[in-house]
Amino acid sequence: MSDGLTCRQNEDRLLNKEKNGVFLALTIMLFTLSPFIQAAGGGSSKPVEGPGYLPLKPAFVVNIRDGKRSRFLQVEIQLKLSDMKKSEKILHHDSIIRHTMLMLLSGQETIDLYSTTGKERLRIKALEEIRTALKSEITELPIDDLYFTNFIIQ
C-alpha cells in the first residue's frame, strides 16, 4: 500500500513539474512576443494622444534608374503627426499614400539620391506629395513632417 502511495505521489510530482514547465514556457513566449504583437497592432486599440510618429509599413521598394541599368531603392518612412488620434484616418488612406510614394520614388535617379541634399529634396517632395494626395480625403491633416528611417540603394 505504501508503494502505491509513493508511486501516486511521484506521478503527481511529475505532473506538477510538467505543468510548471508548460507555464514557464508560455510565460517566456508571452514576454518574448509581446513587442511584436504591439508593433503589429495587436496591443491596445486606444490611439495615443498628442504628437507622435506613424510608420508606413511595409517598406517601399522600387526600381530606380542608374544610367542604363536599374537598381533597387528601399525606403522606410515615418510620418510625424500633431495628433496620433488621427492616425487611423491616415492609415485608412494607406493605398493613396503608397501609390503616391511608389510613383514618386520610382521616378528617381540614383545620382540624385547619393547625397544628403538629394535625399532631403526627396523627403520634402514626398511630404508635399502626401499632403496634396490626402488633402481632399482628410479635412484637418495632422501630418507635420516626414522622415526616412531607412534608405538603401542596391
N, C-alpha and C. Protein backbone atom coordinates (compact mmCIF):
# COMPACT_ATOMS: atom_id res chain seq x y z
N MET A 1 0.82 -1.19 0.00
CA MET A 1 0.00 0.00 0.00
C MET A 1 0.87 1.26 0.00
N SER A 2 1.95 1.23 0.78
CA SER A 2 2.82 2.40 0.80
C SER A 2 3.53 2.60 -0.52
N ASP A 3 3.80 1.48 -1.25
CA ASP A 3 4.41 1.61 -2.58
C ASP A 3 3.45 2.30 -3.54
N GLY A 4 2.16 1.99 -3.46
CA GLY A 4 1.16 2.62 -4.32
C GLY A 4 1.03 4.09 -4.03
N LEU A 5 1.10 4.47 -2.79
CA LEU A 5 1.01 5.87 -2.40
C LEU A 5 2.25 6.63 -2.88
N THR A 6 3.41 6.00 -2.74
CA THR A 6 4.64 6.62 -3.19
C THR A 6 4.63 6.77 -4.70
N CYS A 7 4.16 5.76 -5.39
CA CYS A 7 4.06 5.82 -6.85
C CYS A 7 3.12 6.94 -7.28
N ARG A 8 1.98 7.04 -6.55
CA ARG A 8 0.99 8.09 -6.85
C ARG A 8 1.59 9.48 -6.60
N GLN A 9 2.33 9.61 -5.53
CA GLN A 9 2.97 10.88 -5.20
C GLN A 9 4.00 11.26 -6.27
N ASN A 10 4.75 10.29 -6.75
CA ASN A 10 5.74 10.55 -7.81
C ASN A 10 5.05 10.99 -9.09
N GLU A 11 3.91 10.35 -9.43
CA GLU A 11 3.16 10.75 -10.62
C GLU A 11 2.67 12.19 -10.48
N ASP A 12 2.16 12.52 -9.28
CA ASP A 12 1.68 13.89 -9.04
C ASP A 12 2.82 14.90 -9.16
N ARG A 13 3.99 14.56 -8.62
CA ARG A 13 5.15 15.46 -8.71
C ARG A 13 5.57 15.67 -10.17
N LEU A 14 5.61 14.58 -10.94
CA LEU A 14 5.97 14.69 -12.35
C LEU A 14 4.95 15.53 -13.11
N LEU A 15 3.66 15.32 -12.82
CA LEU A 15 2.61 16.08 -13.47
C LEU A 15 2.73 17.56 -13.13
N ASN A 16 3.02 17.87 -11.86
CA ASN A 16 3.21 19.26 -11.45
C ASN A 16 4.42 19.89 -12.13
N LYS A 17 5.51 19.12 -12.27
CA LYS A 17 6.68 19.63 -12.95
C LYS A 17 6.37 19.94 -14.41
N GLU A 18 5.60 19.05 -15.05
CA GLU A 18 5.22 19.28 -16.45
C GLU A 18 4.36 20.53 -16.57
N LYS A 19 3.40 20.69 -15.66
CA LYS A 19 2.54 21.88 -15.68
C LYS A 19 3.38 23.15 -15.49
N ASN A 20 4.31 23.09 -14.53
CA ASN A 20 5.17 24.25 -14.28
C ASN A 20 6.03 24.56 -15.49
N GLY A 21 6.53 23.51 -16.15
CA GLY A 21 7.35 23.70 -17.35
C GLY A 21 6.56 24.34 -18.47
N VAL A 22 5.32 23.88 -18.67
CA VAL A 22 4.45 24.46 -19.71
C VAL A 22 4.13 25.91 -19.37
N PHE A 23 3.81 26.17 -18.09
CA PHE A 23 3.51 27.53 -17.67
C PHE A 23 4.70 28.45 -17.89
N LEU A 24 5.88 27.97 -17.54
CA LEU A 24 7.11 28.76 -17.72
C LEU A 24 7.35 29.04 -19.21
N ALA A 25 7.17 28.03 -20.04
CA ALA A 25 7.38 28.21 -21.48
C ALA A 25 6.38 29.22 -22.05
N LEU A 26 5.12 29.14 -21.65
CA LEU A 26 4.11 30.09 -22.13
C LEU A 26 4.41 31.51 -21.64
N THR A 27 4.86 31.64 -20.40
CA THR A 27 5.21 32.96 -19.87
C THR A 27 6.36 33.57 -20.65
N ILE A 28 7.39 32.78 -20.90
CA ILE A 28 8.54 33.28 -21.67
C ILE A 28 8.11 33.68 -23.07
N MET A 29 7.28 32.86 -23.69
CA MET A 29 6.80 33.15 -25.03
C MET A 29 5.99 34.45 -25.06
N LEU A 30 5.15 34.65 -24.03
CA LEU A 30 4.34 35.87 -23.96
C LEU A 30 5.22 37.11 -23.88
N PHE A 31 6.22 37.07 -23.01
CA PHE A 31 7.10 38.23 -22.86
C PHE A 31 7.98 38.44 -24.08
N THR A 32 8.35 37.38 -24.74
CA THR A 32 9.19 37.48 -25.93
C THR A 32 8.40 38.05 -27.10
N LEU A 33 7.16 37.64 -27.25
CA LEU A 33 6.38 38.04 -28.41
C LEU A 33 5.59 39.33 -28.21
N SER A 34 5.44 39.80 -26.98
CA SER A 34 4.59 40.97 -26.74
C SER A 34 5.02 42.23 -27.51
N PRO A 35 6.34 42.52 -27.68
CA PRO A 35 6.70 43.69 -28.50
C PRO A 35 6.25 43.54 -29.96
N PHE A 36 6.30 42.31 -30.49
CA PHE A 36 5.89 42.08 -31.86
C PHE A 36 4.37 42.21 -32.00
N ILE A 37 3.65 41.75 -30.99
CA ILE A 37 2.19 41.87 -31.01
C ILE A 37 1.80 43.33 -30.97
N GLN A 38 2.48 44.12 -30.12
CA GLN A 38 2.21 45.56 -30.05
C GLN A 38 2.51 46.24 -31.37
N ALA A 39 3.66 45.91 -31.98
CA ALA A 39 4.07 46.53 -33.24
C ALA A 39 3.11 46.19 -34.37
N ALA A 40 2.51 45.02 -34.31
CA ALA A 40 1.59 44.59 -35.36
C ALA A 40 0.18 45.13 -35.13
N GLY A 41 0.00 45.91 -34.07
CA GLY A 41 -1.31 46.47 -33.81
C GLY A 41 -2.17 45.58 -32.96
N GLY A 42 -1.61 44.56 -32.36
CA GLY A 42 -2.39 43.64 -31.54
C GLY A 42 -2.48 44.07 -30.09
N GLY A 43 -1.92 45.20 -29.77
CA GLY A 43 -1.95 45.68 -28.39
C GLY A 43 -3.19 46.51 -28.16
N SER A 44 -3.03 47.55 -27.42
CA SER A 44 -4.14 48.42 -27.08
C SER A 44 -4.72 49.06 -28.33
N SER A 45 -6.04 49.07 -28.43
CA SER A 45 -6.67 49.65 -29.61
C SER A 45 -6.90 51.14 -29.44
N LYS A 46 -6.63 51.67 -28.24
CA LYS A 46 -6.81 53.09 -27.98
C LYS A 46 -5.62 53.87 -28.53
N PRO A 47 -5.87 54.81 -29.47
CA PRO A 47 -4.75 55.58 -30.03
C PRO A 47 -4.09 56.46 -28.98
N VAL A 48 -2.80 56.68 -29.14
CA VAL A 48 -2.05 57.55 -28.25
C VAL A 48 -2.49 58.98 -28.51
N GLU A 49 -2.60 59.75 -27.44
CA GLU A 49 -2.99 61.15 -27.61
C GLU A 49 -1.75 62.01 -27.81
N GLY A 50 -1.93 63.12 -28.51
CA GLY A 50 -0.85 64.06 -28.72
C GLY A 50 0.00 63.71 -29.93
N PRO A 51 1.14 64.38 -30.08
CA PRO A 51 2.01 64.14 -31.24
C PRO A 51 2.70 62.80 -31.15
N GLY A 52 3.12 62.31 -32.32
CA GLY A 52 3.82 61.03 -32.37
C GLY A 52 4.25 60.70 -33.78
N TYR A 53 4.75 59.50 -33.96
CA TYR A 53 5.28 59.06 -35.24
C TYR A 53 4.51 57.84 -35.73
N LEU A 54 4.13 57.88 -37.00
CA LEU A 54 3.37 56.81 -37.62
C LEU A 54 4.22 56.14 -38.69
N PRO A 55 4.68 54.90 -38.47
CA PRO A 55 5.46 54.22 -39.50
C PRO A 55 4.55 53.74 -40.63
N LEU A 56 5.01 53.90 -41.86
CA LEU A 56 4.29 53.38 -43.01
C LEU A 56 4.90 52.03 -43.34
N LYS A 57 4.17 50.98 -43.06
CA LYS A 57 4.66 49.61 -43.25
C LYS A 57 3.88 48.92 -44.34
N PRO A 58 4.48 48.07 -45.13
CA PRO A 58 5.89 47.70 -45.18
C PRO A 58 6.72 48.78 -45.87
N ALA A 59 8.01 48.56 -45.88
CA ALA A 59 8.93 49.50 -46.53
C ALA A 59 8.60 49.61 -48.02
N PHE A 60 8.93 50.73 -48.60
CA PHE A 60 8.73 50.95 -50.03
C PHE A 60 9.96 50.42 -50.77
N VAL A 61 9.72 49.58 -51.77
CA VAL A 61 10.81 49.03 -52.59
C VAL A 61 10.45 49.27 -54.05
N VAL A 62 11.32 49.99 -54.75
CA VAL A 62 11.07 50.32 -56.16
C VAL A 62 12.35 50.16 -56.96
N ASN A 63 12.19 50.08 -58.27
CA ASN A 63 13.33 50.13 -59.19
C ASN A 63 13.58 51.59 -59.51
N ILE A 64 14.85 51.96 -59.53
CA ILE A 64 15.20 53.32 -59.94
C ILE A 64 16.28 53.24 -61.01
N ARG A 65 16.43 54.33 -61.76
CA ARG A 65 17.38 54.36 -62.87
C ARG A 65 18.78 54.71 -62.39
N ASP A 66 19.75 54.03 -63.00
CA ASP A 66 21.15 54.34 -62.77
C ASP A 66 21.83 54.24 -64.13
N GLY A 67 21.70 55.32 -64.90
CA GLY A 67 22.22 55.28 -66.27
C GLY A 67 21.37 54.33 -67.10
N LYS A 68 22.02 53.29 -67.63
CA LYS A 68 21.31 52.33 -68.47
C LYS A 68 20.82 51.11 -67.69
N ARG A 69 21.17 51.03 -66.42
CA ARG A 69 20.73 49.87 -65.64
C ARG A 69 19.80 50.28 -64.50
N SER A 70 19.15 49.29 -63.93
CA SER A 70 18.23 49.52 -62.81
C SER A 70 18.86 49.13 -61.49
N ARG A 71 18.44 49.81 -60.47
CA ARG A 71 18.83 49.49 -59.09
C ARG A 71 17.55 49.43 -58.26
N PHE A 72 17.70 48.89 -57.05
CA PHE A 72 16.59 48.87 -56.11
C PHE A 72 16.76 49.99 -55.10
N LEU A 73 15.65 50.60 -54.75
CA LEU A 73 15.62 51.57 -53.67
C LEU A 73 14.64 51.05 -52.63
N GLN A 74 15.10 50.93 -51.40
CA GLN A 74 14.22 50.53 -50.30
C GLN A 74 14.21 51.68 -49.29
N VAL A 75 13.01 52.14 -48.96
CA VAL A 75 12.87 53.27 -48.06
C VAL A 75 11.82 52.95 -47.01
N GLU A 76 12.18 53.19 -45.76
CA GLU A 76 11.21 53.11 -44.67
C GLU A 76 10.89 54.55 -44.27
N ILE A 77 9.61 54.80 -44.06
CA ILE A 77 9.14 56.17 -43.81
C ILE A 77 8.29 56.21 -42.55
N GLN A 78 8.47 57.30 -41.79
CA GLN A 78 7.58 57.58 -40.67
C GLN A 78 7.05 58.99 -40.83
N LEU A 79 5.76 59.14 -40.55
CA LEU A 79 5.13 60.45 -40.59
C LEU A 79 5.05 61.01 -39.17
N LYS A 80 5.43 62.26 -39.00
CA LYS A 80 5.27 62.93 -37.71
C LYS A 80 3.89 63.55 -37.70
N LEU A 81 3.08 63.14 -36.73
CA LEU A 81 1.70 63.63 -36.64
C LEU A 81 1.55 64.56 -35.44
N SER A 82 0.76 65.60 -35.61
CA SER A 82 0.48 66.50 -34.50
C SER A 82 -0.53 65.89 -33.54
N ASP A 83 -1.31 64.92 -34.03
CA ASP A 83 -2.32 64.26 -33.20
C ASP A 83 -2.42 62.79 -33.60
N MET A 84 -1.93 61.93 -32.75
CA MET A 84 -1.92 60.48 -33.06
C MET A 84 -3.33 59.90 -33.10
N LYS A 85 -4.32 60.62 -32.53
CA LYS A 85 -5.70 60.11 -32.60
C LYS A 85 -6.18 60.05 -34.04
N LYS A 86 -5.56 60.82 -34.92
CA LYS A 86 -5.96 60.85 -36.33
C LYS A 86 -5.16 59.86 -37.18
N SER A 87 -4.32 59.05 -36.53
CA SER A 87 -3.51 58.09 -37.28
C SER A 87 -4.38 57.06 -38.01
N GLU A 88 -5.51 56.69 -37.42
CA GLU A 88 -6.40 55.73 -38.07
C GLU A 88 -6.96 56.29 -39.38
N LYS A 89 -7.26 57.59 -39.38
CA LYS A 89 -7.75 58.22 -40.62
C LYS A 89 -6.68 58.18 -41.70
N ILE A 90 -5.46 58.41 -41.32
CA ILE A 90 -4.37 58.39 -42.29
C ILE A 90 -4.15 56.97 -42.80
N LEU A 91 -4.13 56.01 -41.90
CA LEU A 91 -3.93 54.62 -42.31
C LEU A 91 -5.09 54.09 -43.15
N HIS A 92 -6.26 54.67 -42.97
CA HIS A 92 -7.41 54.29 -43.80
C HIS A 92 -7.12 54.60 -45.28
N HIS A 93 -6.32 55.61 -45.52
CA HIS A 93 -5.97 56.03 -46.88
C HIS A 93 -4.56 55.57 -47.27
N ASP A 94 -4.14 54.46 -46.69
CA ASP A 94 -2.81 53.91 -46.96
C ASP A 94 -2.58 53.65 -48.45
N SER A 95 -3.60 53.23 -49.16
CA SER A 95 -3.45 52.96 -50.61
C SER A 95 -3.07 54.22 -51.38
N ILE A 96 -3.67 55.32 -51.02
CA ILE A 96 -3.35 56.60 -51.68
C ILE A 96 -1.90 56.98 -51.37
N ILE A 97 -1.51 56.84 -50.12
CA ILE A 97 -0.15 57.20 -49.71
C ILE A 97 0.86 56.30 -50.43
N ARG A 98 0.61 55.01 -50.43
CA ARG A 98 1.55 54.06 -51.06
C ARG A 98 1.67 54.31 -52.56
N HIS A 99 0.54 54.56 -53.22
CA HIS A 99 0.57 54.87 -54.66
C HIS A 99 1.40 56.12 -54.92
N THR A 100 1.13 57.15 -54.15
CA THR A 100 1.84 58.42 -54.32
C THR A 100 3.34 58.24 -54.13
N MET A 101 3.71 57.51 -53.08
CA MET A 101 5.13 57.31 -52.80
C MET A 101 5.79 56.42 -53.86
N LEU A 102 5.12 55.37 -54.29
CA LEU A 102 5.70 54.49 -55.31
C LEU A 102 5.94 55.24 -56.62
N MET A 103 5.01 56.09 -57.01
CA MET A 103 5.18 56.88 -58.23
C MET A 103 6.34 57.86 -58.08
N LEU A 104 6.42 58.51 -56.93
CA LEU A 104 7.50 59.48 -56.71
C LEU A 104 8.86 58.78 -56.65
N LEU A 105 8.95 57.73 -55.87
CA LEU A 105 10.24 57.04 -55.68
C LEU A 105 10.73 56.37 -56.95
N SER A 106 9.84 55.77 -57.71
CA SER A 106 10.27 55.05 -58.92
C SER A 106 10.71 56.00 -60.03
N GLY A 107 10.39 57.28 -59.91
CA GLY A 107 10.83 58.26 -60.89
C GLY A 107 12.18 58.88 -60.58
N GLN A 108 12.85 58.39 -59.54
CA GLN A 108 14.14 58.96 -59.12
C GLN A 108 15.31 58.33 -59.87
N GLU A 109 16.42 59.06 -59.89
CA GLU A 109 17.68 58.53 -60.44
C GLU A 109 18.68 58.43 -59.30
N THR A 110 19.48 57.38 -59.34
CA THR A 110 20.41 57.13 -58.23
C THR A 110 21.38 58.29 -58.00
N ILE A 111 21.83 58.92 -59.05
CA ILE A 111 22.81 60.00 -58.93
C ILE A 111 22.27 61.13 -58.03
N ASP A 112 20.93 61.33 -58.07
CA ASP A 112 20.31 62.39 -57.26
C ASP A 112 20.16 61.99 -55.80
N LEU A 113 20.24 60.69 -55.50
CA LEU A 113 19.94 60.22 -54.15
C LEU A 113 21.17 59.87 -53.32
N TYR A 114 22.35 59.93 -53.89
CA TYR A 114 23.55 59.59 -53.14
C TYR A 114 23.90 60.66 -52.11
N SER A 115 23.62 61.91 -52.41
CA SER A 115 23.98 62.98 -51.48
C SER A 115 22.86 63.22 -50.47
N THR A 116 23.24 63.79 -49.34
CA THR A 116 22.23 64.13 -48.33
C THR A 116 21.30 65.23 -48.84
N THR A 117 21.82 66.10 -49.69
CA THR A 117 20.99 67.15 -50.28
C THR A 117 19.90 66.53 -51.16
N GLY A 118 20.27 65.54 -51.95
CA GLY A 118 19.29 64.86 -52.80
C GLY A 118 18.24 64.13 -51.99
N LYS A 119 18.66 63.49 -50.91
CA LYS A 119 17.71 62.79 -50.03
C LYS A 119 16.76 63.79 -49.37
N GLU A 120 17.32 64.93 -48.97
CA GLU A 120 16.49 65.96 -48.32
C GLU A 120 15.47 66.54 -49.30
N ARG A 121 15.88 66.77 -50.55
CA ARG A 121 14.94 67.24 -51.58
C ARG A 121 13.81 66.23 -51.76
N LEU A 122 14.17 64.95 -51.81
CA LEU A 122 13.17 63.89 -51.98
C LEU A 122 12.24 63.84 -50.76
N ARG A 123 12.78 64.01 -49.58
CA ARG A 123 11.97 63.99 -48.36
C ARG A 123 10.92 65.11 -48.37
N ILE A 124 11.36 66.29 -48.74
CA ILE A 124 10.44 67.44 -48.80
C ILE A 124 9.38 67.23 -49.88
N LYS A 125 9.80 66.73 -51.03
CA LYS A 125 8.87 66.45 -52.13
C LYS A 125 7.86 65.37 -51.71
N ALA A 126 8.32 64.33 -51.01
CA ALA A 126 7.43 63.25 -50.56
C ALA A 126 6.38 63.80 -49.58
N LEU A 127 6.80 64.66 -48.67
CA LEU A 127 5.87 65.27 -47.73
C LEU A 127 4.82 66.09 -48.46
N GLU A 128 5.26 66.91 -49.42
CA GLU A 128 4.32 67.72 -50.22
C GLU A 128 3.33 66.84 -50.98
N GLU A 129 3.85 65.77 -51.61
CA GLU A 129 3.01 64.88 -52.41
C GLU A 129 1.96 64.17 -51.55
N ILE A 130 2.36 63.71 -50.37
CA ILE A 130 1.40 63.02 -49.49
C ILE A 130 0.34 64.00 -49.00
N ARG A 131 0.76 65.20 -48.61
CA ARG A 131 -0.21 66.21 -48.15
C ARG A 131 -1.20 66.54 -49.27
N THR A 132 -0.71 66.70 -50.49
CA THR A 132 -1.58 67.02 -51.63
C THR A 132 -2.55 65.87 -51.89
N ALA A 133 -2.05 64.64 -51.86
CA ALA A 133 -2.89 63.48 -52.14
C ALA A 133 -3.99 63.29 -51.10
N LEU A 134 -3.70 63.63 -49.85
CA LEU A 134 -4.68 63.41 -48.78
C LEU A 134 -5.56 64.62 -48.50
N LYS A 135 -5.24 65.75 -49.11
CA LYS A 135 -5.97 67.00 -48.85
C LYS A 135 -7.47 66.85 -49.07
N SER A 136 -7.86 66.16 -50.13
CA SER A 136 -9.29 66.00 -50.42
C SER A 136 -9.95 64.91 -49.58
N GLU A 137 -9.15 64.09 -48.90
CA GLU A 137 -9.69 62.98 -48.11
C GLU A 137 -9.82 63.30 -46.63
N ILE A 138 -8.90 64.09 -46.11
CA ILE A 138 -8.88 64.42 -44.67
C ILE A 138 -8.88 65.94 -44.53
N THR A 139 -9.90 66.47 -43.85
CA THR A 139 -10.04 67.92 -43.76
C THR A 139 -8.93 68.58 -42.94
N GLU A 140 -8.69 68.10 -41.73
CA GLU A 140 -7.61 68.66 -40.91
C GLU A 140 -6.45 67.67 -40.91
N LEU A 141 -5.50 67.90 -41.78
CA LEU A 141 -4.38 66.98 -41.96
C LEU A 141 -3.36 67.17 -40.84
N PRO A 142 -3.12 66.12 -40.02
CA PRO A 142 -2.21 66.26 -38.88
C PRO A 142 -0.75 65.94 -39.20
N ILE A 143 -0.37 65.87 -40.48
CA ILE A 143 0.99 65.48 -40.85
C ILE A 143 1.91 66.71 -40.77
N ASP A 144 2.82 66.68 -39.81
CA ASP A 144 3.76 67.79 -39.63
C ASP A 144 5.04 67.59 -40.42
N ASP A 145 5.48 66.33 -40.53
CA ASP A 145 6.75 66.09 -41.21
C ASP A 145 6.83 64.64 -41.65
N LEU A 146 7.87 64.35 -42.41
CA LEU A 146 8.11 63.01 -42.92
C LEU A 146 9.59 62.71 -42.74
N TYR A 147 9.90 61.49 -42.29
CA TYR A 147 11.29 61.11 -42.07
C TYR A 147 11.59 59.78 -42.75
N PHE A 148 12.77 59.68 -43.36
CA PHE A 148 13.26 58.42 -43.87
C PHE A 148 13.98 57.75 -42.69
N THR A 149 13.51 56.59 -42.29
CA THR A 149 14.16 55.89 -41.17
C THR A 149 15.09 54.79 -41.67
N ASN A 150 15.04 54.51 -42.95
CA ASN A 150 15.96 53.57 -43.58
C ASN A 150 15.98 53.92 -45.08
N PHE A 151 17.15 53.94 -45.66
CA PHE A 151 17.29 54.37 -47.06
C PHE A 151 18.41 53.56 -47.69
N ILE A 152 18.06 52.61 -48.53
CA ILE A 152 19.06 51.70 -49.12
C ILE A 152 18.94 51.72 -50.65
N ILE A 153 20.08 51.95 -51.30
CA ILE A 153 20.16 51.83 -52.76
C ILE A 153 21.04 50.62 -53.03
N GLN A 154 20.54 49.72 -53.84
CA GLN A 154 21.29 48.49 -54.10
C GLN A 154 21.34 48.20 -55.58
